[in-house]
Amino acid sequence: MAVVDGVLQMRQLTDGLPIPAGRSVTLKRRSYHVMLIGLKKPLTPGEAFPLTLTFAKAGNISVTVPLQAMGALQDGKGGMDHMGGMEDKKSGGSMGNMEMK
């Protein structure tokens, strides 16, 4: 993403997000994140939906994304944390910002 003439512009990473061996990348606001496009129905706070992340070497990882109302996660600067948290189906743990290795 970049700010051009005061307008935030995002772009799709057509070749995926590189994660160097032995390193990690965190999905979070104002950085790398997942944008959902072409949803079949509106997202409803209190519900959750499954999401599958695909890795070149690790394969598919399924997570559950809980939905929260807009404004539920203020970042202290007037912005929103749109991502909320994710629950890892394999470990049952919750991820506020999602770190991928």
N, C-alpha and C. Protein backbone atom coordinates (compact mmCIF):
# COMPACT_ATOMS: atom_id res chain seq x y z
N MET A 1 0.84 -1.17 0.00
CA MET A 1 0.00 0.00 0.00
C MET A 1 0.88 1.23 0.00
N ALA A 2 0.32 2.32 -0.47
CA ALA A 2 1.04 3.59 -0.51
C ALA A 2 0.02 4.72 -0.46
N VAL A 3 0.43 5.87 0.04
CA VAL A 3 -0.42 7.05 0.02
C VAL A 3 0.05 7.91 -1.14
N VAL A 4 -0.85 8.14 -2.09
CA VAL A 4 -0.54 8.94 -3.27
C VAL A 4 -1.51 10.11 -3.31
N ASP A 5 -0.99 11.33 -3.26
CA ASP A 5 -1.83 12.53 -3.24
C ASP A 5 -2.89 12.47 -2.14
N GLY A 6 -2.52 11.95 -0.97
CA GLY A 6 -3.43 11.89 0.16
C GLY A 6 -4.43 10.76 0.11
N VAL A 7 -4.33 9.88 -0.89
CA VAL A 7 -5.26 8.77 -1.04
C VAL A 7 -4.51 7.45 -0.85
N LEU A 8 -5.05 6.60 0.05
CA LEU A 8 -4.44 5.30 0.28
C LEU A 8 -4.71 4.39 -0.91
N GLN A 9 -3.67 3.82 -1.47
CA GLN A 9 -3.81 2.90 -2.59
C GLN A 9 -3.23 1.56 -2.19
N MET A 10 -3.99 0.50 -2.45
CA MET A 10 -3.53 -0.85 -2.15
C MET A 10 -3.38 -1.61 -3.45
N ARG A 11 -2.54 -2.63 -3.40
CA ARG A 11 -2.36 -3.45 -4.59
C ARG A 11 -2.30 -4.92 -4.18
N GLN A 12 -2.75 -5.74 -5.08
CA GLN A 12 -2.71 -7.18 -4.86
C GLN A 12 -1.29 -7.68 -5.08
N LEU A 13 -0.86 -8.60 -4.26
CA LEU A 13 0.45 -9.24 -4.46
C LEU A 13 0.21 -10.47 -5.33
N THR A 14 0.32 -10.29 -6.63
CA THR A 14 -0.04 -11.36 -7.57
C THR A 14 0.84 -12.60 -7.44
N ASP A 15 2.06 -12.43 -6.96
CA ASP A 15 2.96 -13.58 -6.77
C ASP A 15 3.00 -14.04 -5.32
N GLY A 16 2.05 -13.57 -4.51
CA GLY A 16 2.01 -13.95 -3.10
C GLY A 16 2.92 -13.07 -2.26
N LEU A 17 2.95 -13.36 -0.99
CA LEU A 17 3.74 -12.61 -0.03
C LEU A 17 4.96 -13.45 0.33
N PRO A 18 6.15 -13.01 -0.06
CA PRO A 18 7.34 -13.81 0.25
C PRO A 18 7.64 -13.79 1.75
N ILE A 19 7.93 -14.97 2.28
CA ILE A 19 8.33 -15.10 3.68
C ILE A 19 9.68 -15.82 3.66
N PRO A 20 10.76 -15.09 3.91
CA PRO A 20 12.09 -15.71 3.86
C PRO A 20 12.22 -16.86 4.86
N ALA A 21 13.04 -17.86 4.51
CA ALA A 21 13.26 -19.01 5.37
C ALA A 21 13.72 -18.56 6.75
N GLY A 22 13.08 -19.11 7.78
CA GLY A 22 13.44 -18.80 9.15
C GLY A 22 12.93 -17.45 9.65
N ARG A 23 12.18 -16.73 8.84
CA ARG A 23 11.66 -15.41 9.21
C ARG A 23 10.15 -15.49 9.31
N SER A 24 9.52 -14.39 9.68
CA SER A 24 8.06 -14.35 9.74
C SER A 24 7.55 -13.03 9.21
N VAL A 25 6.28 -13.01 8.85
CA VAL A 25 5.58 -11.81 8.39
C VAL A 25 4.29 -11.73 9.19
N THR A 26 3.96 -10.56 9.71
CA THR A 26 2.75 -10.39 10.48
C THR A 26 1.71 -9.63 9.67
N LEU A 27 0.50 -10.18 9.58
CA LEU A 27 -0.60 -9.49 8.93
C LEU A 27 -1.23 -8.58 9.98
N LYS A 28 -1.29 -7.27 9.69
CA LYS A 28 -1.84 -6.31 10.65
C LYS A 28 -2.25 -5.04 9.92
N ARG A 29 -2.96 -4.16 10.63
CA ARG A 29 -3.41 -2.91 10.04
C ARG A 29 -2.20 -2.09 9.61
N ARG A 30 -2.42 -1.28 8.58
CA ARG A 30 -1.39 -0.39 8.03
C ARG A 30 -0.15 -1.15 7.54
N SER A 31 -0.33 -2.40 7.20
CA SER A 31 0.77 -3.22 6.71
C SER A 31 0.16 -4.29 5.81
N TYR A 32 0.82 -5.42 5.71
CA TYR A 32 0.24 -6.52 4.95
C TYR A 32 -1.03 -6.98 5.64
N HIS A 33 -2.08 -7.23 4.87
CA HIS A 33 -3.34 -7.72 5.41
C HIS A 33 -4.10 -8.46 4.33
N VAL A 34 -5.17 -9.11 4.72
CA VAL A 34 -6.02 -9.84 3.78
C VAL A 34 -7.25 -9.00 3.50
N MET A 35 -7.56 -8.80 2.23
CA MET A 35 -8.78 -8.09 1.85
C MET A 35 -9.71 -9.10 1.19
N LEU A 36 -10.94 -9.14 1.68
CA LEU A 36 -11.93 -10.06 1.14
C LEU A 36 -12.71 -9.36 0.04
N ILE A 37 -12.73 -9.96 -1.13
CA ILE A 37 -13.39 -9.37 -2.30
C ILE A 37 -14.41 -10.38 -2.85
N GLY A 38 -15.55 -9.88 -3.28
CA GLY A 38 -16.55 -10.75 -3.90
C GLY A 38 -17.34 -11.58 -2.91
N LEU A 39 -17.59 -11.03 -1.73
CA LEU A 39 -18.36 -11.75 -0.73
C LEU A 39 -19.78 -12.01 -1.23
N LYS A 40 -20.34 -13.14 -0.88
CA LYS A 40 -21.68 -13.53 -1.33
C LYS A 40 -22.78 -12.90 -0.48
N LYS A 41 -22.46 -12.49 0.76
CA LYS A 41 -23.45 -11.87 1.64
C LYS A 41 -22.72 -10.92 2.58
N PRO A 42 -23.45 -10.01 3.19
CA PRO A 42 -22.81 -9.08 4.14
C PRO A 42 -22.24 -9.82 5.34
N LEU A 43 -21.16 -9.28 5.88
CA LEU A 43 -20.57 -9.84 7.09
C LEU A 43 -21.37 -9.36 8.29
N THR A 44 -21.66 -10.25 9.22
CA THR A 44 -22.50 -9.93 10.37
C THR A 44 -21.70 -10.08 11.66
N PRO A 45 -21.59 -8.99 12.44
CA PRO A 45 -20.87 -9.07 13.72
C PRO A 45 -21.43 -10.20 14.59
N GLY A 46 -20.53 -10.89 15.26
CA GLY A 46 -20.92 -12.02 16.12
C GLY A 46 -20.80 -13.35 15.40
N GLU A 47 -20.77 -13.33 14.07
CA GLU A 47 -20.60 -14.56 13.31
C GLU A 47 -19.11 -14.77 13.04
N ALA A 48 -18.78 -15.88 12.44
CA ALA A 48 -17.40 -16.19 12.05
C ALA A 48 -17.45 -16.93 10.72
N PHE A 49 -16.33 -16.94 10.02
CA PHE A 49 -16.28 -17.70 8.78
C PHE A 49 -14.90 -18.33 8.63
N PRO A 50 -14.82 -19.44 7.89
CA PRO A 50 -13.54 -20.10 7.68
C PRO A 50 -12.74 -19.40 6.59
N LEU A 51 -11.44 -19.41 6.71
CA LEU A 51 -10.55 -18.83 5.71
C LEU A 51 -9.36 -19.77 5.57
N THR A 52 -8.98 -20.07 4.35
CA THR A 52 -7.84 -20.94 4.11
C THR A 52 -6.71 -20.12 3.50
N LEU A 53 -5.56 -20.16 4.16
CA LEU A 53 -4.36 -19.50 3.66
C LEU A 53 -3.52 -20.56 2.97
N THR A 54 -3.00 -20.26 1.80
CA THR A 54 -2.23 -21.23 1.04
C THR A 54 -0.76 -20.82 1.00
N PHE A 55 0.11 -21.71 1.45
CA PHE A 55 1.54 -21.47 1.48
C PHE A 55 2.23 -22.39 0.47
N ALA A 56 3.27 -21.88 -0.19
CA ALA A 56 3.97 -22.64 -1.22
C ALA A 56 4.53 -23.95 -0.67
N LYS A 57 5.11 -23.93 0.53
CA LYS A 57 5.72 -25.14 1.07
C LYS A 57 4.92 -25.76 2.20
N ALA A 58 4.24 -24.97 2.99
CA ALA A 58 3.49 -25.49 4.15
C ALA A 58 2.09 -25.97 3.76
N GLY A 59 1.65 -25.65 2.55
CA GLY A 59 0.32 -26.06 2.12
C GLY A 59 -0.77 -25.15 2.67
N ASN A 60 -1.95 -25.71 2.83
CA ASN A 60 -3.10 -24.93 3.29
C ASN A 60 -3.20 -24.93 4.81
N ILE A 61 -3.49 -23.76 5.36
CA ILE A 61 -3.73 -23.60 6.80
C ILE A 61 -5.12 -22.97 6.94
N SER A 62 -6.00 -23.63 7.67
CA SER A 62 -7.36 -23.12 7.87
C SER A 62 -7.45 -22.37 9.18
N VAL A 63 -8.08 -21.20 9.13
CA VAL A 63 -8.31 -20.39 10.32
C VAL A 63 -9.78 -20.00 10.35
N THR A 64 -10.28 -19.63 11.52
CA THR A 64 -11.63 -19.12 11.66
C THR A 64 -11.54 -17.64 11.97
N VAL A 65 -12.26 -16.82 11.22
CA VAL A 65 -12.23 -15.36 11.38
C VAL A 65 -13.50 -14.92 12.09
N PRO A 66 -13.40 -14.45 13.36
CA PRO A 66 -14.58 -13.93 14.05
C PRO A 66 -14.86 -12.50 13.60
N LEU A 67 -16.11 -12.15 13.46
CA LEU A 67 -16.48 -10.82 13.00
C LEU A 67 -16.90 -9.95 14.18
N GLN A 68 -16.40 -8.71 14.18
CA GLN A 68 -16.74 -7.75 15.22
C GLN A 68 -17.32 -6.52 14.55
N ALA A 69 -18.12 -5.77 15.28
CA ALA A 69 -18.74 -4.55 14.75
C ALA A 69 -17.66 -3.51 14.44
N MET A 70 -17.91 -2.68 13.42
CA MET A 70 -17.00 -1.59 13.11
C MET A 70 -16.84 -0.73 14.35
N GLY A 71 -15.63 -0.31 14.63
CA GLY A 71 -15.37 0.52 15.80
C GLY A 71 -15.04 -0.30 17.03
N ALA A 72 -15.19 -1.62 16.96
CA ALA A 72 -14.91 -2.45 18.12
C ALA A 72 -13.43 -2.46 18.46
N LEU A 73 -12.59 -2.25 17.48
CA LEU A 73 -11.15 -2.31 17.69
C LEU A 73 -10.48 -1.02 17.28
N GLN A 74 -10.77 0.07 17.95
CA GLN A 74 -10.12 1.34 17.65
C GLN A 74 -8.63 1.20 17.89
N ASP A 75 -7.82 1.80 17.04
CA ASP A 75 -6.37 1.70 17.18
C ASP A 75 -5.77 2.82 18.02
N GLY A 76 -6.58 3.69 18.61
CA GLY A 76 -6.07 4.78 19.42
C GLY A 76 -5.70 6.00 18.61
N LYS A 77 -5.79 5.91 17.27
CA LYS A 77 -5.44 7.02 16.39
C LYS A 77 -6.62 7.38 15.49
N GLY A 78 -7.80 6.90 15.85
CA GLY A 78 -8.99 7.20 15.05
C GLY A 78 -9.22 6.21 13.93
N GLY A 79 -8.29 5.26 13.75
CA GLY A 79 -8.44 4.27 12.69
C GLY A 79 -9.02 2.98 13.24
N MET A 80 -9.27 2.05 12.37
CA MET A 80 -9.84 0.77 12.77
C MET A 80 -8.84 -0.35 12.52
N ASP A 81 -8.91 -1.35 13.34
CA ASP A 81 -8.21 -2.59 13.09
C ASP A 81 -9.23 -3.50 12.44
N HIS A 82 -9.27 -3.54 11.12
CA HIS A 82 -10.30 -4.29 10.40
C HIS A 82 -10.14 -5.79 10.54
N MET A 83 -8.94 -6.22 10.84
CA MET A 83 -8.68 -7.64 10.86
C MET A 83 -9.24 -8.33 12.09
N GLY A 84 -9.27 -7.65 13.22
CA GLY A 84 -9.72 -8.30 14.44
C GLY A 84 -8.78 -9.42 14.80
N GLY A 85 -9.31 -10.55 15.21
CA GLY A 85 -8.46 -11.68 15.56
C GLY A 85 -8.83 -12.88 14.73
N MET A 86 -7.95 -13.84 14.69
CA MET A 86 -8.23 -15.08 13.99
C MET A 86 -7.93 -16.23 14.94
N GLU A 87 -8.69 -17.29 14.81
CA GLU A 87 -8.47 -18.47 15.62
C GLU A 87 -7.86 -19.54 14.75
N ASP A 88 -6.75 -20.10 15.19
CA ASP A 88 -6.07 -21.15 14.45
C ASP A 88 -6.76 -22.48 14.76
N LYS A 89 -7.32 -23.13 13.73
CA LYS A 89 -8.06 -24.38 13.94
C LYS A 89 -7.15 -25.49 14.45
N LYS A 90 -5.87 -25.48 14.06
CA LYS A 90 -4.97 -26.55 14.48
C LYS A 90 -4.63 -26.46 15.96
N SER A 91 -4.35 -25.24 16.45
CA SER A 91 -3.93 -25.10 17.84
C SER A 91 -5.07 -24.65 18.75
N GLY A 92 -6.16 -24.11 18.15
CA GLY A 92 -7.26 -23.60 18.95
C GLY A 92 -6.95 -22.25 19.55
N GLY A 93 -5.77 -21.69 19.24
CA GLY A 93 -5.38 -20.41 19.79
C GLY A 93 -5.96 -19.24 19.00
N SER A 94 -5.93 -18.08 19.61
CA SER A 94 -6.46 -16.88 18.96
C SER A 94 -5.31 -16.01 18.51
N MET A 95 -5.45 -15.40 17.34
CA MET A 95 -4.42 -14.53 16.80
C MET A 95 -5.00 -13.16 16.54
N GLY A 96 -4.55 -12.13 17.26
CA GLY A 96 -5.00 -10.77 17.01
C GLY A 96 -4.39 -10.27 15.72
N ASN A 97 -3.09 -10.19 15.68
CA ASN A 97 -2.35 -9.98 14.45
C ASN A 97 -1.81 -11.35 14.09
N MET A 98 -1.86 -11.67 12.84
CA MET A 98 -1.52 -13.02 12.44
C MET A 98 -0.09 -13.08 11.95
N GLU A 99 0.72 -13.88 12.60
CA GLU A 99 2.12 -14.03 12.21
C GLU A 99 2.26 -15.30 11.41
N MET A 100 2.92 -15.19 10.25
CA MET A 100 3.13 -16.36 9.41
C MET A 100 4.62 -16.61 9.29
N LYS A 101 4.99 -17.88 9.41
CA LYS A 101 6.40 -18.26 9.30
C LYS A 101 6.57 -19.24 8.17
